[in-house]
C-alpha cells in the first residue's frame, strides 16, 4: 500500500508525523494533492482539550481542515461535478451531504453525515460537495486561508458593522488577523486590537489598526474606555479563546453593542455573566460557526486581503512537528504547511 507523510493524532495529547496510507477515492469524491495547509488552533485543541466534541478514534486519525490543492484523481459518480484533474481547489470541512434534515433546513454547516478529511497530509479525499474551484493562476498559499475566511465572513454577517462604529478585536492570531483585515474594509472607527505578543500588536498596527493594547501590561478595560471616550465599543470580537479574555469584553461593550465570541473556548469553561449589566446596556452576545454557502465569497475576497502580513511562516510538511511547536509559541498570526 502506498503511503504519504501526514500529521496524525496518535494518542492522548499526542501528535506525530507518520507514514499514513494514501486514501483511495470513493463514489462522489475526488483526491486532492494538498499544496498548502494552514494550522488552526481548533485542530490542536481537539487533541489537547476535546474541542468540537472530538474523540480519538482507534488507530488514530489525521488532523487539519484548512488548505488548498490540486485535483489528482476523480472518483466514480463525479462526472457532473464540473471538476477535472488538474483543477486548483479549496476544501470545505464536513462537506454537506444535502440529504439530512439539517441540510434540508439550510443548516448545511451542521450536516449530520458530512464527509470529513485531513489536510495536514500530502493527499486528501474529499466529497465533491466540499470542493470549490479557484482561479487557474491562484497563489495556493493565499487560498489556503479560504476556510478560515469563510468563518470570518460569517462573523461579519451575524454582527454587521456600520460605518463609523467602534471595534475591538481581542486576539490577533490567524483568525484575528483575517478578521482585523475585514474590519478595516468596513469603515469602522477607533479600531483597536488586544494581544499580549508585541510582534502581533506591531503587525496589527501595520495592517491598519489604530490602537493596540497589551492586556497583560495594561489595564485593558481602562485603556479601551479611554480610547472610546468612556462609551465602550459598538462591536467587540473575542478571537483568542483564552478564558481570562472573555469577561473583559462585556465590560468594554457600548450601549446597544454586540460582543461576538468567535474563538473555540475550552469545553469546560463557563463564563461569569452579570445579566443586569448586560440588560442595562441592551447588549447582545453572539457566537460564530461557519457556513458552506460563503465559500465563493471568501474565494473572491482573498486577493484583497493582506495575506503577506497574515501568513507569518511556512514549514515543509516534513518539518510539521517544528511548525506545531512554533504554533504553541504564538509568535506568528498564521503558519502554513507546504505539503507538496
Protein backbone atom coordinates (compact mmCIF):
# COMPACT_ATOMS: atom_id res chain seq x y z
CA UNK A 1 0.00 0.00 0.00
CA UNK A 2 1.35 3.44 -0.94
CA UNK A 3 1.96 5.82 1.92
CA UNK A 4 2.23 9.56 2.45
CA UNK A 5 3.54 11.89 5.13
CA UNK A 6 0.78 13.08 7.46
CA UNK A 7 0.44 14.72 10.86
CA UNK A 8 -1.61 12.33 12.94
CA UNK A 9 -3.40 12.37 16.28
CA UNK A 10 -1.93 9.15 17.65
CA UNK A 11 -2.80 9.13 21.37
CA UNK A 12 -3.92 11.23 24.34
CA UNK A 13 -2.34 14.68 23.89
CA UNK A 14 -0.02 13.16 21.27
CA UNK A 15 0.58 14.39 17.72
CA UNK A 16 3.14 12.77 15.40
CA UNK A 17 4.38 12.93 11.83
CA UNK A 18 3.79 9.45 10.39
CA UNK A 19 3.67 7.48 7.17
CA UNK A 20 -0.06 7.02 6.61
CA UNK A 21 -1.91 5.15 3.85
CA UNK A 22 -2.79 7.34 0.89
CA UNK A 23 -6.61 7.49 0.94
CA UNK A 24 -8.49 5.99 -2.00
CA UNK A 25 -11.26 7.74 -3.89
CA UNK A 26 -14.82 6.58 -3.31
CA UNK A 27 -18.00 7.31 -5.24
CA UNK A 28 -18.75 11.02 -5.16
CA UNK A 29 -15.24 12.03 -4.06
CA UNK A 30 -12.03 13.38 -5.57
CA UNK A 31 -8.42 13.03 -4.47
CA UNK A 32 -6.64 16.31 -3.82
CA UNK A 33 -2.88 16.70 -3.77
CA UNK A 34 -2.56 19.20 -0.93
CA UNK A 35 -0.47 22.27 -1.79
CA UNK A 36 -0.66 24.17 1.49
CA UNK A 37 -2.45 23.55 4.78
CA UNK A 38 -2.96 26.24 7.41
CA UNK A 39 -2.53 25.32 11.05
CA UNK A 40 -5.65 26.15 13.05
CA UNK A 41 -5.88 26.29 16.83
CA UNK A 42 -9.06 24.20 16.67
CA UNK A 43 -7.14 21.20 15.31
CA UNK A 44 -4.62 21.40 18.15
CA UNK A 45 -7.34 21.95 20.74
CA UNK A 46 -9.21 18.89 19.50
CA UNK A 47 -6.22 16.92 20.74
CA UNK A 48 -5.49 18.86 23.92
CA UNK A 49 -8.99 19.57 25.23
CA UNK A 50 -11.54 17.75 23.10
CA UNK A 51 -12.73 20.87 21.28
CA UNK A 52 -15.69 20.41 18.91
CA UNK A 53 -16.54 17.18 20.73
CA UNK A 54 -13.51 15.46 19.18
CA UNK A 55 -12.72 11.93 20.32
CA UNK A 56 -9.65 9.92 19.38
CA UNK A 57 -10.55 7.07 17.05
CA UNK A 58 -8.99 3.65 17.29
CA UNK A 59 -5.78 3.66 15.30
CA UNK A 60 -5.55 7.45 15.41
CA UNK A 61 -6.65 9.99 12.83
CA UNK A 62 -5.44 12.79 10.63
CA UNK A 63 -5.61 16.46 11.51
CA UNK A 64 -6.20 19.66 9.58
CA UNK A 65 -9.20 21.19 7.83
CA UNK A 66 -7.83 24.32 6.13
CA UNK A 67 -5.98 24.03 2.86
CA UNK A 68 -5.60 24.32 -0.89
CA UNK A 69 -4.59 21.79 -3.51
CA UNK A 70 -4.88 20.32 -6.99
CA UNK A 71 -7.24 17.52 -8.01
CA UNK A 72 -5.18 14.45 -8.85
CA UNK A 73 -7.94 11.85 -9.31
CA UNK A 74 -11.68 11.81 -9.88
CA UNK A 75 -13.77 9.12 -8.21
CA UNK A 76 -16.85 7.39 -9.63
CA UNK A 77 -20.08 9.42 -9.87
CA UNK A 78 -18.28 12.76 -10.17
CA UNK A 79 -18.78 13.23 -13.91
CA UNK A 80 -21.34 16.01 -13.48
CA UNK A 81 -19.43 17.90 -10.80
CA UNK A 82 -17.85 20.40 -13.19
CA UNK A 83 -14.43 19.43 -11.82
CA UNK A 84 -11.48 17.76 -13.52
CA UNK A 85 -7.99 16.52 -12.79
CA UNK A 86 -5.60 19.48 -12.59
CA UNK A 87 -8.13 21.96 -11.15
CA UNK A 88 -6.84 24.16 -8.36
CA UNK A 89 -9.28 23.91 -5.46
CA UNK A 90 -10.02 24.63 -1.82
CA UNK A 91 -11.99 22.40 0.52
CA UNK A 92 -14.84 22.94 2.95
CA UNK A 93 -14.65 20.65 6.02
CA UNK A 94 -17.62 18.47 6.83
CA UNK A 95 -18.73 18.60 3.20
CA UNK A 96 -22.55 18.63 3.44
CA UNK A 97 -24.50 15.62 2.22
CA UNK A 98 -27.53 17.67 1.18
CA UNK A 99 -29.85 14.88 2.35
CA UNK A 100 -30.10 15.03 6.17
CA UNK A 101 -32.69 17.16 7.97
CA UNK A 102 -30.17 19.87 8.85
CA UNK A 103 -29.11 20.22 5.21
CA UNK A 104 -32.74 20.31 4.08
CA UNK A 105 -33.39 23.12 6.56
CA UNK A 106 -30.49 25.19 5.23
CA UNK A 107 -28.23 24.33 8.16
CA UNK A 108 -25.60 22.67 5.99
CA UNK A 109 -22.87 23.64 8.45
CA UNK A 110 -24.47 21.19 10.89
CA UNK A 111 -24.70 18.30 8.43
CA UNK A 112 -25.15 15.06 10.36
CA UNK A 113 -23.14 12.97 7.93
CA UNK A 114 -20.72 15.43 6.38
CA UNK A 115 -17.64 13.98 4.70
CA UNK A 116 -14.55 14.73 6.77
CA UNK A 117 -10.93 14.73 5.60
CA UNK A 118 -7.49 15.83 6.83
CA UNK A 119 -5.25 18.47 5.23
CA UNK A 120 -2.02 18.05 7.23
CA UNK A 121 -1.00 15.46 4.67
CA UNK A 122 0.17 15.03 1.10
CA UNK A 123 -3.26 13.90 -0.10
CA UNK A 124 -6.89 14.12 0.97
CA UNK A 125 -10.03 12.50 -0.42
CA UNK A 126 -12.92 14.97 -0.32
CA UNK A 127 -16.61 14.73 -1.34
CA UNK A 128 -17.34 16.89 -4.39
CA UNK A 129 -19.85 18.80 -2.23
CA UNK A 130 -16.87 20.16 -0.29
CA UNK A 131 -14.71 21.13 -3.29
CA UNK A 132 -14.54 24.68 -4.69
CA UNK A 133 -12.51 25.64 -7.74
CA UNK A 134 -10.19 28.66 -7.55
CA UNK A 135 -8.59 30.63 -10.44
CA UNK A 136 -6.06 28.80 -12.58
CA UNK A 137 -3.40 31.36 -11.66
CA UNK A 138 -4.20 31.24 -7.94
CA UNK A 139 -1.37 31.55 -5.41
CA UNK A 140 -2.14 28.45 -3.38
CA UNK A 141 -0.57 29.93 -0.25
CA UNK A 142 -3.22 32.64 -0.25
CA UNK A 143 -6.12 30.27 -0.91
CA UNK A 144 -5.11 28.01 1.98
CA UNK A 145 -6.86 30.72 4.03
CA UNK A 146 -10.22 30.22 2.31
CA UNK A 147 -11.89 28.18 5.07
CA UNK A 148 -10.97 30.50 7.98
CA UNK A 149 -12.03 33.45 5.82
CA UNK A 150 -15.46 31.81 5.49
CA UNK A 151 -15.76 31.80 9.28
CA UNK A 152 -14.77 35.48 9.45
CA UNK A 153 -17.31 36.49 6.82
CA UNK A 154 -19.90 34.55 8.80
CA UNK A 155 -18.99 36.62 11.85
CA UNK A 156 -19.34 39.83 9.86
CA UNK A 157 -22.73 38.72 8.54
CA UNK A 158 -24.00 37.94 12.05
CA UNK A 159 -22.59 41.14 13.56
CA UNK A 160 -22.58 43.69 10.73
CA UNK A 161 -20.51 46.83 11.34
CA UNK A 162 -21.90 50.18 10.24
CA UNK A 163 -19.57 52.94 9.07
CA UNK A 164 -18.09 54.85 12.00
CA UNK A 165 -18.86 52.21 14.61
CA UNK A 166 -16.06 51.42 17.05
CA UNK A 167 -14.48 47.95 17.07
CA UNK A 168 -12.19 45.96 19.37
CA UNK A 169 -10.56 42.69 18.26
CA UNK A 170 -9.27 40.61 21.17
CA UNK A 171 -6.58 38.20 19.97
CA UNK A 172 -4.61 38.75 16.76
CA UNK A 173 -3.64 35.24 15.77
CA UNK A 174 -4.52 33.79 12.39
CA UNK A 175 -8.28 34.24 12.55
CA UNK A 176 -7.94 37.54 14.43
CA UNK A 177 -5.68 38.96 11.71
CA UNK A 178 -8.10 37.94 8.96
CA UNK A 179 -10.94 39.48 10.97
CA UNK A 180 -8.97 42.70 11.51
CA UNK A 181 -8.34 42.98 7.78
CA UNK A 182 -12.04 42.62 7.04
CA UNK A 183 -12.97 45.10 9.79
CA UNK A 184 -10.68 47.65 8.17
CA UNK A 185 -12.68 47.28 4.94
CA UNK A 186 -15.97 48.14 6.72
CA UNK A 187 -15.30 51.80 7.54
CA UNK A 188 -15.13 51.10 11.28
CA UNK A 189 -13.55 53.65 13.59
CA UNK A 190 -11.16 53.55 16.56
CA UNK A 191 -10.16 50.05 15.50
CA UNK A 192 -8.38 48.54 18.49
CA UNK A 193 -6.57 45.24 18.96
CA UNK A 194 -5.63 43.46 22.16
CA UNK A 195 -2.86 40.86 22.30
CA UNK A 196 -0.03 40.11 24.75
CA UNK A 197 2.52 39.37 21.98
CA UNK A 198 4.41 42.54 20.88
CA UNK A 199 5.07 41.24 17.35
CA UNK A 200 1.37 40.63 16.79
CA UNK A 201 0.43 44.08 18.04
CA UNK A 202 3.03 45.67 15.76
CA UNK A 203 1.79 43.63 12.81
CA UNK A 204 -1.81 44.64 13.52
CA UNK A 205 -0.86 48.32 13.55
CA UNK A 206 0.97 47.89 10.24
CA UNK A 207 -2.22 46.34 8.81
CA UNK A 208 -4.31 49.35 9.77
CA UNK A 209 -5.39 49.00 13.40
CA UNK A 210 -5.43 52.41 15.09
CA UNK A 211 -4.73 51.31 18.66
CA UNK A 212 -3.03 48.28 20.24
CA UNK A 213 -3.34 47.22 23.87
CA UNK A 214 -1.22 44.79 25.85
CA UNK A 215 -3.82 43.07 28.07
CA UNK A 216 -1.08 41.83 30.41
CA UNK A 217 0.93 45.02 30.85
CA UNK A 218 -2.02 47.42 30.63
CA UNK A 219 -5.50 47.67 32.09
CA UNK A 220 -7.49 46.55 29.05
CA UNK A 221 -10.83 47.92 30.23
CA UNK A 222 -9.45 51.27 31.37
CA UNK A 223 -7.46 51.79 28.17
CA UNK A 224 -10.38 50.73 25.98
CA UNK A 225 -12.68 53.15 27.73
CA UNK A 226 -10.09 55.90 27.30
CA UNK A 227 -9.90 55.24 23.55
CA UNK A 228 -13.71 55.36 23.23
CA UNK A 229 -14.22 58.41 25.48
CA UNK A 230 -15.88 56.25 28.12
CA UNK A 231 -18.53 54.84 25.76
CA UNK A 232 -17.11 51.38 25.09
CA UNK A 233 -17.05 49.62 21.73
CA UNK A 234 -20.02 49.04 19.44
CA UNK A 235 -18.51 45.70 18.42
CA UNK A 236 -16.16 43.52 20.45
CA UNK A 237 -14.82 40.36 18.83
CA UNK A 238 -13.11 37.84 21.13
CA UNK A 239 -10.88 35.67 18.97
CA UNK A 240 -8.20 34.41 21.36
CA UNK A 241 -10.15 31.65 23.10
CA UNK A 242 -8.36 32.46 26.35
CA UNK A 243 -10.84 32.26 29.25
CA UNK A 244 -9.30 35.28 31.01
CA UNK A 245 -10.03 37.37 27.90
CA UNK A 246 -13.76 36.62 27.83
CA UNK A 247 -15.20 38.66 30.76
CA UNK A 248 -13.48 42.00 29.95
CA UNK A 249 -15.21 42.02 26.57
CA UNK A 250 -18.57 42.58 28.29
CA UNK A 251 -17.10 45.40 30.39
CA UNK A 252 -15.94 47.11 27.20
CA UNK A 253 -19.30 46.87 25.44
CA UNK A 254 -21.06 50.10 24.49
CA UNK A 255 -24.79 50.57 24.89
CA UNK A 256 -26.68 48.56 22.26
CA UNK A 257 -23.38 46.93 21.30
CA UNK A 258 -22.54 43.35 20.38
CA UNK A 259 -19.89 41.03 21.80
CA UNK A 260 -19.06 38.24 19.36
CA UNK A 261 -17.33 35.26 20.93
CA UNK A 262 -15.60 33.85 17.88
CA UNK A 263 -12.94 31.53 19.27
CA UNK A 264 -13.39 27.92 20.38
CA UNK A 265 -13.14 28.07 24.17
CA UNK A 266 -12.32 25.06 26.39
CA UNK A 267 -15.45 22.89 26.59
CA UNK A 268 -15.44 23.09 30.40
CA UNK A 269 -15.15 26.88 30.60
CA UNK A 270 -18.22 28.72 31.93
CA UNK A 271 -18.08 32.49 31.72
CA UNK A 272 -19.40 34.59 34.60
CA UNK A 273 -22.16 36.88 33.35
CA UNK A 274 -23.96 39.73 35.09
CA UNK A 275 -27.25 39.81 33.23
CA UNK A 276 -28.31 43.07 34.89
CA UNK A 277 -25.28 44.88 33.48
CA UNK A 278 -25.98 43.42 30.04
CA UNK A 279 -29.64 44.40 30.35
CA UNK A 280 -28.77 48.00 31.24
CA UNK A 281 -26.71 48.23 28.05
CA UNK A 282 -29.25 46.35 25.93
CA UNK A 283 -26.19 44.40 24.91
CA UNK A 284 -26.06 41.39 22.66
CA UNK A 285 -23.90 38.25 22.79
CA UNK A 286 -23.26 36.45 19.51
CA UNK A 287 -21.28 33.31 18.69
CA UNK A 288 -19.99 32.16 15.30
CA UNK A 289 -19.62 28.85 13.50
CA UNK A 290 -19.44 28.70 9.68
CA UNK A 291 -21.50 28.10 6.52
CA UNK A 292 -20.50 26.49 3.20
CA UNK A 293 -22.56 28.95 1.14
CA UNK A 294 -19.98 31.63 1.99
CA UNK A 295 -17.06 29.83 0.32
CA UNK A 296 -17.47 31.56 -3.05
CA UNK A 297 -17.45 34.97 -1.35
CA UNK A 298 -14.28 34.08 0.53
CA UNK A 299 -12.57 32.96 -2.68
CA UNK A 300 -13.43 36.28 -4.34
CA UNK A 301 -12.30 38.34 -1.34
CA UNK A 302 -8.98 36.63 -0.59
CA UNK A 303 -6.92 38.55 -3.19
CA UNK A 304 -7.86 41.80 -1.41
CA UNK A 305 -6.60 40.68 2.00
CA UNK A 306 -3.16 41.44 3.40
CA UNK A 307 -2.12 37.82 3.30
CA UNK A 308 1.57 38.76 3.31
CA UNK A 309 1.03 40.00 6.87
CA UNK A 310 -1.38 37.27 7.92
CA UNK A 311 0.84 34.36 6.83
CA UNK A 312 3.79 34.51 9.20
CA UNK A 313 5.85 31.42 8.40
CA UNK A 314 5.77 28.39 6.10
CA UNK A 315 7.15 24.97 7.03
CA UNK A 316 7.59 21.89 4.87
CA UNK A 317 5.27 19.06 5.90
CA UNK A 318 8.37 17.03 6.82
CA UNK A 319 9.05 19.69 9.48
CA UNK A 320 5.46 19.66 10.66
CA UNK A 321 6.29 18.98 14.29
CA UNK A 322 8.51 22.07 14.33
CA UNK A 323 5.56 24.01 12.89
CA UNK A 324 3.28 22.85 15.71
CA UNK A 325 5.93 23.75 18.29
CA UNK A 326 6.15 27.20 16.70
CA UNK A 327 2.35 27.47 16.80
CA UNK A 328 2.45 26.97 20.57
CA UNK A 329 4.86 29.92 20.89
CA UNK A 330 2.12 32.16 19.45
CA UNK A 331 4.50 34.44 17.57
CA UNK A 332 3.01 34.40 14.08
CA UNK A 333 -0.61 35.07 13.07
CA UNK A 334 -0.87 32.11 10.68
CA UNK A 335 1.52 29.22 9.99
CA UNK A 336 1.30 27.17 6.79
CA UNK A 337 2.49 23.69 5.93
CA UNK A 338 3.84 23.17 2.41
CA UNK A 339 2.56 19.68 1.74
CA UNK A 340 3.79 19.06 -1.83
